Amino acid sequence: MSYGVYYTGILASVYLPTRKTLTAVGEALAARLVPSSPAEGTSWKDWSLEQEAVRTWLGLRSTALQDFQQALSVLAPLLASLSALALGAGG
């Protein structure tokens, strides 16, 4: 069980700051690619669609399922140690 907690902590300490940094850089890049307000002659809807397309292309839009899958991958060592403990395979 302690190995699961230890390795989950290592994964989380690497994954979470990396994800936060990459998301911040992606948002800054999206802000540079799409102006903060619609240009003259551009409708609000077109500007919004362009903004969404850029954020989707950069991978900044994630679904709840994707967030859940990423959380499970970080928690995998802990979940594996819990299942081994529950099934009686421990050393």
N, C-alpha and C. Protein backbone atom coordinates (compact mmCIF):
# COMPACT_ATOMS: atom_id res chain seq x y z
N MET A 1 0.82 -1.19 0.00
CA MET A 1 0.00 0.00 0.00
C MET A 1 0.87 1.26 0.00
N SER A 2 1.97 1.22 0.74
CA SER A 2 2.82 2.40 0.83
C SER A 2 3.49 2.69 -0.51
N TYR A 3 3.80 1.64 -1.28
CA TYR A 3 4.36 1.87 -2.61
C TYR A 3 3.35 2.58 -3.51
N GLY A 4 2.10 2.19 -3.40
CA GLY A 4 1.05 2.83 -4.19
C GLY A 4 0.92 4.30 -3.87
N VAL A 5 0.94 4.63 -2.60
CA VAL A 5 0.86 6.04 -2.18
C VAL A 5 2.10 6.79 -2.65
N TYR A 6 3.27 6.17 -2.50
CA TYR A 6 4.53 6.80 -2.89
C TYR A 6 4.56 7.10 -4.39
N TYR A 7 4.28 6.10 -5.21
CA TYR A 7 4.35 6.30 -6.66
C TYR A 7 3.22 7.19 -7.18
N THR A 8 2.07 7.15 -6.54
CA THR A 8 1.00 8.08 -6.92
C THR A 8 1.43 9.51 -6.62
N GLY A 9 2.10 9.72 -5.50
CA GLY A 9 2.61 11.04 -5.17
C GLY A 9 3.65 11.52 -6.16
N ILE A 10 4.51 10.63 -6.60
CA ILE A 10 5.52 11.00 -7.61
C ILE A 10 4.84 11.37 -8.93
N LEU A 11 3.92 10.52 -9.37
CA LEU A 11 3.22 10.82 -10.62
C LEU A 11 2.46 12.15 -10.54
N ALA A 12 1.76 12.37 -9.45
CA ALA A 12 0.99 13.60 -9.29
C ALA A 12 1.90 14.82 -9.23
N SER A 13 3.05 14.69 -8.57
CA SER A 13 3.96 15.84 -8.45
C SER A 13 4.62 16.20 -9.78
N VAL A 14 4.68 15.26 -10.70
CA VAL A 14 5.21 15.55 -12.03
C VAL A 14 4.08 15.98 -12.97
N TYR A 15 2.97 15.27 -12.93
CA TYR A 15 1.88 15.50 -13.88
C TYR A 15 1.17 16.84 -13.67
N LEU A 16 0.79 17.14 -12.45
CA LEU A 16 -0.03 18.33 -12.19
C LEU A 16 0.66 19.64 -12.55
N PRO A 17 1.91 19.88 -12.14
CA PRO A 17 2.56 21.13 -12.57
C PRO A 17 2.79 21.19 -14.08
N THR A 18 3.09 20.05 -14.68
CA THR A 18 3.30 20.02 -16.13
C THR A 18 2.01 20.36 -16.86
N ARG A 19 0.92 19.78 -16.44
CA ARG A 19 -0.36 20.07 -17.08
C ARG A 19 -0.75 21.54 -16.90
N LYS A 20 -0.53 22.07 -15.70
CA LYS A 20 -0.86 23.47 -15.44
C LYS A 20 -0.03 24.40 -16.33
N THR A 21 1.25 24.12 -16.46
CA THR A 21 2.14 24.94 -17.28
C THR A 21 1.74 24.86 -18.75
N LEU A 22 1.51 23.66 -19.24
CA LEU A 22 1.14 23.50 -20.65
C LEU A 22 -0.21 24.15 -20.96
N THR A 23 -1.15 24.07 -20.03
CA THR A 23 -2.44 24.72 -20.22
C THR A 23 -2.29 26.24 -20.26
N ALA A 24 -1.46 26.77 -19.37
CA ALA A 24 -1.23 28.22 -19.35
C ALA A 24 -0.57 28.70 -20.64
N VAL A 25 0.41 27.94 -21.12
CA VAL A 25 1.08 28.29 -22.37
C VAL A 25 0.10 28.18 -23.54
N GLY A 26 -0.72 27.15 -23.54
CA GLY A 26 -1.73 27.00 -24.59
C GLY A 26 -2.74 28.13 -24.60
N GLU A 27 -3.18 28.54 -23.43
CA GLU A 27 -4.12 29.67 -23.34
C GLU A 27 -3.47 30.96 -23.84
N ALA A 28 -2.19 31.17 -23.49
CA ALA A 28 -1.49 32.37 -23.97
C ALA A 28 -1.35 32.34 -25.49
N LEU A 29 -1.05 31.17 -26.02
CA LEU A 29 -0.93 31.02 -27.47
C LEU A 29 -2.27 31.26 -28.16
N ALA A 30 -3.33 30.72 -27.58
CA ALA A 30 -4.68 30.94 -28.14
C ALA A 30 -5.04 32.41 -28.11
N ALA A 31 -4.66 33.10 -27.05
CA ALA A 31 -4.96 34.54 -26.95
C ALA A 31 -4.19 35.34 -28.01
N ARG A 32 -3.00 34.87 -28.38
CA ARG A 32 -2.22 35.57 -29.41
C ARG A 32 -2.75 35.27 -30.81
N LEU A 33 -3.30 34.07 -30.99
CA LEU A 33 -3.78 33.69 -32.32
C LEU A 33 -5.13 34.32 -32.66
N VAL A 34 -5.97 34.48 -31.65
CA VAL A 34 -7.30 35.05 -31.86
C VAL A 34 -7.38 36.36 -31.08
N PRO A 35 -7.78 37.44 -31.74
CA PRO A 35 -7.87 38.73 -31.03
C PRO A 35 -8.86 38.66 -29.87
N SER A 36 -8.66 39.51 -28.88
CA SER A 36 -9.50 39.48 -27.68
C SER A 36 -10.93 39.96 -27.94
N SER A 37 -11.13 40.67 -29.03
CA SER A 37 -12.48 41.08 -29.41
C SER A 37 -12.62 40.95 -30.92
N PRO A 38 -13.84 40.80 -31.41
CA PRO A 38 -14.04 40.63 -32.85
C PRO A 38 -13.50 41.82 -33.65
N ALA A 39 -12.86 41.51 -34.75
CA ALA A 39 -12.34 42.56 -35.63
C ALA A 39 -13.50 43.26 -36.32
N GLU A 40 -13.21 44.41 -36.85
CA GLU A 40 -14.23 45.19 -37.58
C GLU A 40 -14.76 44.35 -38.74
N GLY A 41 -16.07 44.21 -38.83
CA GLY A 41 -16.69 43.46 -39.91
C GLY A 41 -16.85 41.97 -39.62
N THR A 42 -16.38 41.52 -38.45
CA THR A 42 -16.52 40.12 -38.07
C THR A 42 -17.65 40.00 -37.07
N SER A 43 -18.52 39.04 -37.30
CA SER A 43 -19.64 38.86 -36.36
C SER A 43 -19.15 38.19 -35.09
N TRP A 44 -19.90 38.39 -34.04
CA TRP A 44 -19.58 37.79 -32.75
C TRP A 44 -19.56 36.27 -32.86
N LYS A 45 -20.49 35.71 -33.60
CA LYS A 45 -20.58 34.26 -33.75
C LYS A 45 -19.34 33.71 -34.46
N ASP A 46 -18.91 34.37 -35.55
CA ASP A 46 -17.72 33.91 -36.27
C ASP A 46 -16.48 33.99 -35.39
N TRP A 47 -16.36 35.08 -34.64
CA TRP A 47 -15.22 35.24 -33.74
C TRP A 47 -15.22 34.15 -32.67
N SER A 48 -16.38 33.86 -32.10
CA SER A 48 -16.50 32.83 -31.08
C SER A 48 -16.16 31.44 -31.64
N LEU A 49 -16.64 31.16 -32.85
CA LEU A 49 -16.33 29.87 -33.49
C LEU A 49 -14.83 29.74 -33.76
N GLU A 50 -14.21 30.82 -34.18
CA GLU A 50 -12.76 30.80 -34.44
C GLU A 50 -11.99 30.57 -33.13
N GLN A 51 -12.42 31.23 -32.08
CA GLN A 51 -11.79 31.07 -30.78
C GLN A 51 -11.92 29.62 -30.28
N GLU A 52 -13.10 29.05 -30.42
CA GLU A 52 -13.31 27.66 -30.01
C GLU A 52 -12.48 26.70 -30.85
N ALA A 53 -12.39 26.97 -32.16
CA ALA A 53 -11.60 26.10 -33.05
C ALA A 53 -10.13 26.12 -32.66
N VAL A 54 -9.60 27.27 -32.34
CA VAL A 54 -8.20 27.37 -31.94
C VAL A 54 -7.96 26.63 -30.63
N ARG A 55 -8.85 26.82 -29.66
CA ARG A 55 -8.68 26.14 -28.38
C ARG A 55 -8.82 24.62 -28.53
N THR A 56 -9.71 24.18 -29.39
CA THR A 56 -9.86 22.75 -29.63
C THR A 56 -8.61 22.20 -30.32
N TRP A 57 -8.10 22.92 -31.31
CA TRP A 57 -6.92 22.48 -32.04
C TRP A 57 -5.71 22.39 -31.11
N LEU A 58 -5.61 23.30 -30.15
CA LEU A 58 -4.51 23.28 -29.19
C LEU A 58 -4.71 22.26 -28.08
N GLY A 59 -5.87 21.62 -28.04
CA GLY A 59 -6.13 20.61 -27.03
C GLY A 59 -6.52 21.19 -25.68
N LEU A 60 -7.04 22.40 -25.67
CA LEU A 60 -7.41 23.04 -24.41
C LEU A 60 -8.82 22.69 -23.97
N ARG A 61 -9.60 22.10 -24.84
CA ARG A 61 -10.96 21.69 -24.51
C ARG A 61 -10.95 20.20 -24.20
N SER A 62 -11.24 19.86 -22.98
CA SER A 62 -11.31 18.45 -22.63
C SER A 62 -12.68 18.15 -22.04
N THR A 63 -13.08 16.92 -22.19
CA THR A 63 -14.37 16.50 -21.67
C THR A 63 -14.21 15.96 -20.25
N ALA A 64 -15.30 15.77 -19.59
CA ALA A 64 -15.26 15.20 -18.24
C ALA A 64 -14.69 13.78 -18.27
N LEU A 65 -14.98 13.04 -19.33
CA LEU A 65 -14.44 11.69 -19.46
C LEU A 65 -12.92 11.72 -19.59
N GLN A 66 -12.38 12.65 -20.37
CA GLN A 66 -10.93 12.76 -20.52
C GLN A 66 -10.28 13.13 -19.19
N ASP A 67 -10.88 14.04 -18.46
CA ASP A 67 -10.35 14.42 -17.15
C ASP A 67 -10.38 13.23 -16.19
N PHE A 68 -11.44 12.45 -16.23
CA PHE A 68 -11.55 11.26 -15.39
C PHE A 68 -10.48 10.23 -15.75
N GLN A 69 -10.26 10.03 -17.04
CA GLN A 69 -9.24 9.07 -17.49
C GLN A 69 -7.84 9.51 -17.05
N GLN A 70 -7.57 10.79 -17.13
CA GLN A 70 -6.27 11.30 -16.70
C GLN A 70 -6.10 11.14 -15.20
N ALA A 71 -7.15 11.37 -14.44
CA ALA A 71 -7.08 11.19 -12.99
C ALA A 71 -6.84 9.73 -12.64
N LEU A 72 -7.48 8.82 -13.35
CA LEU A 72 -7.26 7.40 -13.09
C LEU A 72 -5.83 6.98 -13.42
N SER A 73 -5.27 7.55 -14.47
CA SER A 73 -3.89 7.19 -14.83
C SER A 73 -2.90 7.67 -13.77
N VAL A 74 -3.17 8.80 -13.15
CA VAL A 74 -2.30 9.29 -12.08
C VAL A 74 -2.48 8.45 -10.81
N LEU A 75 -3.70 8.02 -10.58
CA LEU A 75 -3.98 7.22 -9.38
C LEU A 75 -3.74 5.72 -9.57
N ALA A 76 -3.24 5.31 -10.72
CA ALA A 76 -3.08 3.89 -11.03
C ALA A 76 -2.25 3.12 -9.99
N PRO A 77 -1.09 3.63 -9.54
CA PRO A 77 -0.35 2.85 -8.53
C PRO A 77 -1.12 2.63 -7.24
N LEU A 78 -1.84 3.66 -6.80
CA LEU A 78 -2.63 3.52 -5.58
C LEU A 78 -3.76 2.53 -5.78
N LEU A 79 -4.44 2.63 -6.91
CA LEU A 79 -5.53 1.70 -7.20
C LEU A 79 -5.03 0.26 -7.32
N ALA A 80 -3.84 0.08 -7.91
CA ALA A 80 -3.28 -1.26 -8.04
C ALA A 80 -2.91 -1.82 -6.67
N SER A 81 -2.37 -1.01 -5.79
CA SER A 81 -2.03 -1.52 -4.45
C SER A 81 -3.28 -1.82 -3.64
N LEU A 82 -4.33 -1.00 -3.82
CA LEU A 82 -5.59 -1.29 -3.12
C LEU A 82 -6.22 -2.59 -3.62
N SER A 83 -6.17 -2.81 -4.92
CA SER A 83 -6.75 -4.05 -5.45
C SER A 83 -5.93 -5.26 -5.03
N ALA A 84 -4.61 -5.12 -4.98
CA ALA A 84 -3.79 -6.23 -4.51
C ALA A 84 -4.06 -6.52 -3.04
N LEU A 85 -4.28 -5.50 -2.27
CA LEU A 85 -4.59 -5.67 -0.86
C LEU A 85 -5.95 -6.35 -0.69
N ALA A 86 -6.92 -5.91 -1.52
CA ALA A 86 -8.27 -6.49 -1.43
C ALA A 86 -8.30 -7.95 -1.88
N LEU A 87 -7.47 -8.30 -2.86
CA LEU A 87 -7.46 -9.66 -3.37
C LEU A 87 -6.53 -10.57 -2.60
N GLY A 88 -5.80 -10.03 -1.65
CA GLY A 88 -4.94 -10.84 -0.81
C GLY A 88 -3.60 -11.16 -1.41
N ALA A 89 -3.22 -10.48 -2.46
CA ALA A 89 -1.90 -10.72 -3.09
C ALA A 89 -0.96 -9.63 -2.61
N GLY A 90 -0.35 -9.84 -1.52
CA GLY A 90 0.56 -8.85 -0.96
C GLY A 90 1.78 -9.51 -0.39
N GLY A 91 2.77 -8.70 -0.24
CA GLY A 91 3.97 -9.30 0.25
C GLY A 91 4.47 -8.55 1.36
